[in-house]
Amino acid sequence: MAGYNLHIERENQISVEEWLAVCEQDKSLSVQNTAIAVNPQAGAKIKVSTPNSCVWTSRILKKKYSFTYSNGSITFGTDKAQLKKAKKIAQILNAKVVGDEGEEY
């Protein structure tokens, strides 16, 4: 993930099992261990390994957003809709949403 990111974190790390349990219980989330992107110039498909990541599909916006698990926290982008979903996930995990510089959301 490039640019500025947000994270779901807590003092005691989130286990991968906890994270995947949240993904399995929420029907709007789905586990995605591989991301596929298309090179806009060449049109070639590029596969990237994304172990223990989940994709959230917004029913209202009809858009997909990635949540990537790594080292006890979950990283995601700064889209307002995704932030709103992240806050709900953080509440389930008894965690908080923070930015790259440690500021709380």
N, C-alpha and C. Protein backbone atom coordinates (compact mmCIF):
# COMPACT_ATOMS: atom_id res chain seq x y z
N MET A 1 0.84 -1.18 0.00
CA MET A 1 0.00 0.00 0.00
C MET A 1 0.89 1.24 0.00
N ALA A 2 0.66 2.11 -0.92
CA ALA A 2 1.45 3.33 -1.00
C ALA A 2 0.66 4.49 -0.41
N GLY A 3 1.34 5.57 -0.13
CA GLY A 3 0.68 6.75 0.40
C GLY A 3 0.43 6.64 1.89
N TYR A 4 -0.53 7.40 2.35
CA TYR A 4 -0.87 7.45 3.77
C TYR A 4 -1.90 6.38 4.08
N ASN A 5 -1.67 5.62 5.14
CA ASN A 5 -2.59 4.55 5.52
C ASN A 5 -3.10 4.72 6.93
N LEU A 6 -4.19 4.05 7.20
CA LEU A 6 -4.76 3.98 8.53
C LEU A 6 -4.66 2.53 8.99
N HIS A 7 -4.76 2.33 10.32
CA HIS A 7 -4.55 1.00 10.88
C HIS A 7 -5.54 0.74 12.02
N ILE A 8 -5.97 -0.49 12.14
CA ILE A 8 -6.73 -0.93 13.29
C ILE A 8 -5.71 -1.60 14.21
N GLU A 9 -5.55 -1.05 15.41
CA GLU A 9 -4.53 -1.54 16.33
C GLU A 9 -5.05 -1.57 17.76
N ARG A 10 -4.36 -2.32 18.58
CA ARG A 10 -4.59 -2.29 20.03
C ARG A 10 -3.28 -2.64 20.72
N GLU A 11 -3.25 -2.43 22.04
CA GLU A 11 -2.01 -2.65 22.79
C GLU A 11 -1.52 -4.09 22.65
N ASN A 12 -2.39 -5.06 22.91
CA ASN A 12 -2.02 -6.46 22.66
C ASN A 12 -2.44 -6.77 21.23
N GLN A 13 -1.50 -7.25 20.45
CA GLN A 13 -1.72 -7.43 19.02
C GLN A 13 -2.96 -8.24 18.70
N ILE A 14 -3.56 -7.93 17.58
CA ILE A 14 -4.71 -8.68 17.06
C ILE A 14 -4.16 -9.96 16.44
N SER A 15 -4.69 -11.09 16.83
CA SER A 15 -4.21 -12.35 16.25
C SER A 15 -4.84 -12.55 14.87
N VAL A 16 -4.15 -13.28 14.03
CA VAL A 16 -4.68 -13.57 12.70
C VAL A 16 -5.99 -14.36 12.83
N GLU A 17 -6.09 -15.21 13.85
CA GLU A 17 -7.32 -15.98 14.05
C GLU A 17 -8.51 -15.07 14.39
N GLU A 18 -8.27 -14.05 15.23
CA GLU A 18 -9.33 -13.09 15.56
C GLU A 18 -9.78 -12.34 14.31
N TRP A 19 -8.80 -11.89 13.54
CA TRP A 19 -9.09 -11.13 12.34
C TRP A 19 -9.91 -11.96 11.34
N LEU A 20 -9.46 -13.19 11.09
CA LEU A 20 -10.17 -14.03 10.13
C LEU A 20 -11.56 -14.40 10.63
N ALA A 21 -11.73 -14.52 11.95
CA ALA A 21 -13.06 -14.79 12.52
C ALA A 21 -14.00 -13.61 12.24
N VAL A 22 -13.50 -12.39 12.36
CA VAL A 22 -14.32 -11.21 12.04
C VAL A 22 -14.71 -11.25 10.56
N CYS A 23 -13.75 -11.57 9.70
CA CYS A 23 -14.03 -11.64 8.26
C CYS A 23 -15.08 -12.70 7.94
N GLU A 24 -15.01 -13.82 8.63
CA GLU A 24 -15.97 -14.90 8.37
C GLU A 24 -17.37 -14.58 8.89
N GLN A 25 -17.46 -13.83 9.99
CA GLN A 25 -18.76 -13.52 10.59
C GLN A 25 -19.48 -12.38 9.87
N ASP A 26 -18.76 -11.53 9.18
CA ASP A 26 -19.35 -10.38 8.49
C ASP A 26 -19.51 -10.72 7.01
N LYS A 27 -20.75 -10.80 6.57
CA LYS A 27 -21.01 -11.21 5.18
C LYS A 27 -20.54 -10.19 4.14
N SER A 28 -20.25 -8.96 4.57
CA SER A 28 -19.77 -7.96 3.62
C SER A 28 -18.25 -8.02 3.45
N LEU A 29 -17.58 -8.90 4.25
CA LEU A 29 -16.13 -9.10 4.15
C LEU A 29 -15.85 -10.47 3.56
N SER A 30 -14.81 -10.56 2.77
CA SER A 30 -14.39 -11.87 2.26
C SER A 30 -12.87 -11.95 2.26
N VAL A 31 -12.36 -13.11 2.66
CA VAL A 31 -10.91 -13.33 2.70
C VAL A 31 -10.40 -13.37 1.27
N GLN A 32 -9.30 -12.66 1.05
CA GLN A 32 -8.69 -12.63 -0.29
C GLN A 32 -7.18 -12.72 -0.12
N ASN A 33 -6.62 -13.88 -0.41
CA ASN A 33 -5.19 -14.10 -0.24
C ASN A 33 -4.35 -13.70 -1.45
N THR A 34 -5.02 -13.28 -2.52
CA THR A 34 -4.33 -12.83 -3.72
C THR A 34 -5.09 -11.63 -4.30
N ALA A 35 -4.36 -10.59 -4.60
CA ALA A 35 -4.96 -9.42 -5.25
C ALA A 35 -4.52 -9.42 -6.72
N ILE A 36 -5.42 -9.02 -7.58
CA ILE A 36 -5.10 -8.96 -9.01
C ILE A 36 -5.28 -7.53 -9.49
N ALA A 37 -4.25 -7.01 -10.12
CA ALA A 37 -4.29 -5.67 -10.69
C ALA A 37 -3.99 -5.78 -12.18
N VAL A 38 -4.42 -4.78 -12.94
CA VAL A 38 -4.16 -4.76 -14.38
C VAL A 38 -3.25 -3.58 -14.68
N ASN A 39 -2.16 -3.86 -15.36
CA ASN A 39 -1.24 -2.82 -15.80
C ASN A 39 -1.97 -1.97 -16.83
N PRO A 40 -2.19 -0.67 -16.56
CA PRO A 40 -2.99 0.15 -17.48
C PRO A 40 -2.34 0.36 -18.85
N GLN A 41 -1.03 0.26 -18.93
CA GLN A 41 -0.36 0.48 -20.22
C GLN A 41 -0.28 -0.80 -21.04
N ALA A 42 0.11 -1.90 -20.41
CA ALA A 42 0.29 -3.16 -21.14
C ALA A 42 -0.94 -4.05 -21.10
N GLY A 43 -1.83 -3.80 -20.13
CA GLY A 43 -3.02 -4.62 -20.00
C GLY A 43 -2.78 -5.97 -19.34
N ALA A 44 -1.55 -6.20 -18.90
CA ALA A 44 -1.21 -7.48 -18.27
C ALA A 44 -1.76 -7.53 -16.84
N LYS A 45 -2.22 -8.72 -16.46
CA LYS A 45 -2.71 -8.93 -15.10
C LYS A 45 -1.52 -9.25 -14.19
N ILE A 46 -1.53 -8.64 -13.03
CA ILE A 46 -0.47 -8.84 -12.04
C ILE A 46 -1.10 -9.41 -10.78
N LYS A 47 -0.59 -10.56 -10.32
CA LYS A 47 -1.08 -11.18 -9.09
C LYS A 47 -0.11 -10.88 -7.96
N VAL A 48 -0.66 -10.46 -6.83
CA VAL A 48 0.15 -10.15 -5.66
C VAL A 48 -0.39 -10.96 -4.48
N SER A 49 0.51 -11.63 -3.77
CA SER A 49 0.11 -12.40 -2.60
C SER A 49 -0.28 -11.44 -1.48
N THR A 50 -1.47 -11.62 -0.91
CA THR A 50 -1.96 -10.79 0.18
C THR A 50 -2.52 -11.68 1.28
N PRO A 51 -1.65 -12.45 1.95
CA PRO A 51 -2.14 -13.40 2.94
C PRO A 51 -2.94 -12.73 4.06
N ASN A 52 -4.04 -13.37 4.41
CA ASN A 52 -4.91 -12.93 5.52
C ASN A 52 -5.53 -11.55 5.31
N SER A 53 -5.70 -11.16 4.07
CA SER A 53 -6.37 -9.90 3.77
C SER A 53 -7.85 -10.16 3.53
N CYS A 54 -8.64 -9.14 3.77
CA CYS A 54 -10.08 -9.25 3.50
C CYS A 54 -10.49 -8.07 2.65
N VAL A 55 -11.49 -8.31 1.83
CA VAL A 55 -12.05 -7.26 0.99
C VAL A 55 -13.46 -6.98 1.48
N TRP A 56 -13.74 -5.70 1.69
CA TRP A 56 -15.07 -5.26 2.07
C TRP A 56 -15.77 -4.70 0.85
N THR A 57 -16.97 -5.16 0.60
CA THR A 57 -17.75 -4.64 -0.51
C THR A 57 -18.86 -3.76 0.05
N SER A 58 -18.80 -2.49 -0.28
CA SER A 58 -19.83 -1.54 0.16
C SER A 58 -21.08 -1.75 -0.69
N ARG A 59 -22.17 -2.10 -0.04
CA ARG A 59 -23.43 -2.31 -0.77
C ARG A 59 -23.94 -1.01 -1.38
N ILE A 60 -23.72 0.09 -0.68
CA ILE A 60 -24.23 1.38 -1.14
C ILE A 60 -23.40 1.89 -2.32
N LEU A 61 -22.07 1.89 -2.17
CA LEU A 61 -21.20 2.43 -3.20
C LEU A 61 -20.84 1.43 -4.30
N LYS A 62 -21.14 0.14 -4.05
CA LYS A 62 -20.79 -0.93 -5.01
C LYS A 62 -19.30 -0.90 -5.33
N LYS A 63 -18.50 -0.70 -4.28
CA LYS A 63 -17.05 -0.58 -4.42
C LYS A 63 -16.38 -1.54 -3.44
N LYS A 64 -15.19 -2.01 -3.81
CA LYS A 64 -14.44 -2.93 -2.96
C LYS A 64 -13.27 -2.21 -2.31
N TYR A 65 -13.04 -2.53 -1.03
CA TYR A 65 -11.96 -1.93 -0.25
C TYR A 65 -11.16 -3.03 0.42
N SER A 66 -9.83 -2.89 0.44
CA SER A 66 -8.97 -3.91 1.04
C SER A 66 -8.59 -3.56 2.48
N PHE A 67 -8.56 -4.61 3.30
CA PHE A 67 -8.05 -4.54 4.66
C PHE A 67 -6.95 -5.59 4.74
N THR A 68 -5.71 -5.17 5.02
CA THR A 68 -4.57 -6.07 4.99
C THR A 68 -4.04 -6.32 6.40
N TYR A 69 -4.00 -7.59 6.80
CA TYR A 69 -3.48 -7.96 8.12
C TYR A 69 -1.97 -8.19 8.04
N SER A 70 -1.25 -7.63 9.01
CA SER A 70 0.19 -7.86 9.10
C SER A 70 0.68 -7.51 10.50
N ASN A 71 1.42 -8.41 11.10
CA ASN A 71 2.07 -8.15 12.39
C ASN A 71 1.14 -7.62 13.47
N GLY A 72 -0.06 -8.17 13.56
CA GLY A 72 -0.95 -7.82 14.66
C GLY A 72 -1.83 -6.61 14.46
N SER A 73 -1.80 -6.02 13.26
CA SER A 73 -2.70 -4.89 12.99
C SER A 73 -3.26 -5.02 11.57
N ILE A 74 -4.27 -4.22 11.29
CA ILE A 74 -4.94 -4.25 9.99
C ILE A 74 -4.77 -2.88 9.33
N THR A 75 -4.27 -2.86 8.12
CA THR A 75 -3.98 -1.62 7.39
C THR A 75 -5.00 -1.44 6.28
N PHE A 76 -5.40 -0.17 6.08
CA PHE A 76 -6.38 0.14 5.03
C PHE A 76 -6.18 1.58 4.57
N GLY A 77 -6.92 1.98 3.55
CA GLY A 77 -6.80 3.32 2.97
C GLY A 77 -7.57 4.37 3.73
N THR A 78 -7.65 5.56 3.16
CA THR A 78 -8.23 6.71 3.86
C THR A 78 -9.62 7.11 3.37
N ASP A 79 -10.22 6.31 2.52
CA ASP A 79 -11.56 6.61 2.03
C ASP A 79 -12.53 6.70 3.21
N LYS A 80 -13.43 7.69 3.18
CA LYS A 80 -14.36 7.90 4.30
C LYS A 80 -15.26 6.70 4.58
N ALA A 81 -15.73 6.06 3.52
CA ALA A 81 -16.59 4.88 3.70
C ALA A 81 -15.80 3.75 4.35
N GLN A 82 -14.56 3.56 3.92
CA GLN A 82 -13.72 2.51 4.49
C GLN A 82 -13.37 2.82 5.94
N LEU A 83 -13.15 4.07 6.27
CA LEU A 83 -12.87 4.46 7.65
C LEU A 83 -14.06 4.15 8.54
N LYS A 84 -15.25 4.42 8.05
CA LYS A 84 -16.47 4.12 8.83
C LYS A 84 -16.57 2.62 9.11
N LYS A 85 -16.30 1.79 8.11
CA LYS A 85 -16.32 0.33 8.30
C LYS A 85 -15.22 -0.09 9.26
N ALA A 86 -14.04 0.51 9.13
CA ALA A 86 -12.91 0.17 10.00
C ALA A 86 -13.22 0.45 11.46
N LYS A 87 -13.94 1.52 11.73
CA LYS A 87 -14.31 1.85 13.11
C LYS A 87 -15.22 0.78 13.69
N LYS A 88 -16.10 0.23 12.87
CA LYS A 88 -16.98 -0.86 13.33
C LYS A 88 -16.15 -2.12 13.61
N ILE A 89 -15.21 -2.41 12.73
CA ILE A 89 -14.33 -3.57 12.93
C ILE A 89 -13.49 -3.38 14.20
N ALA A 90 -12.95 -2.18 14.38
CA ALA A 90 -12.14 -1.88 15.56
C ALA A 90 -12.94 -2.09 16.84
N GLN A 91 -14.18 -1.69 16.82
CA GLN A 91 -15.04 -1.87 17.99
C GLN A 91 -15.20 -3.35 18.33
N ILE A 92 -15.40 -4.18 17.33
CA ILE A 92 -15.53 -5.63 17.53
C ILE A 92 -14.25 -6.20 18.14
N LEU A 93 -13.10 -5.69 17.69
CA LEU A 93 -11.81 -6.20 18.14
C LEU A 93 -11.28 -5.49 19.40
N ASN A 94 -12.10 -4.58 19.95
CA ASN A 94 -11.68 -3.79 21.11
C ASN A 94 -10.35 -3.08 20.81
N ALA A 95 -10.33 -2.44 19.65
CA ALA A 95 -9.12 -1.79 19.16
C ALA A 95 -9.45 -0.34 18.80
N LYS A 96 -8.50 0.36 18.20
CA LYS A 96 -8.73 1.74 17.78
C LYS A 96 -8.17 1.93 16.37
N VAL A 97 -8.60 2.98 15.72
CA VAL A 97 -8.12 3.32 14.38
C VAL A 97 -7.11 4.45 14.54
N VAL A 98 -5.92 4.24 13.98
CA VAL A 98 -4.86 5.25 14.05
C VAL A 98 -4.24 5.45 12.67
N GLY A 99 -3.64 6.62 12.49
CA GLY A 99 -2.95 6.93 11.25
C GLY A 99 -1.49 6.54 11.32
N ASP A 100 -0.80 6.71 10.21
CA ASP A 100 0.63 6.39 10.14
C ASP A 100 1.45 7.15 11.17
N GLU A 101 0.99 8.32 11.57
CA GLU A 101 1.72 9.15 12.53
C GLU A 101 1.20 8.98 13.96
N GLY A 102 0.31 8.00 14.18
CA GLY A 102 -0.17 7.68 15.53
C GLY A 102 -1.41 8.43 15.97
N GLU A 103 -1.96 9.29 15.12
CA GLU A 103 -3.15 10.05 15.51
C GLU A 103 -4.38 9.13 15.48
N GLU A 104 -5.27 9.32 16.46
CA GLU A 104 -6.47 8.49 16.55
C GLU A 104 -7.62 9.08 15.75
N TYR A 105 -8.41 8.18 15.17
CA TYR A 105 -9.60 8.58 14.41
C TYR A 105 -10.85 8.13 15.13
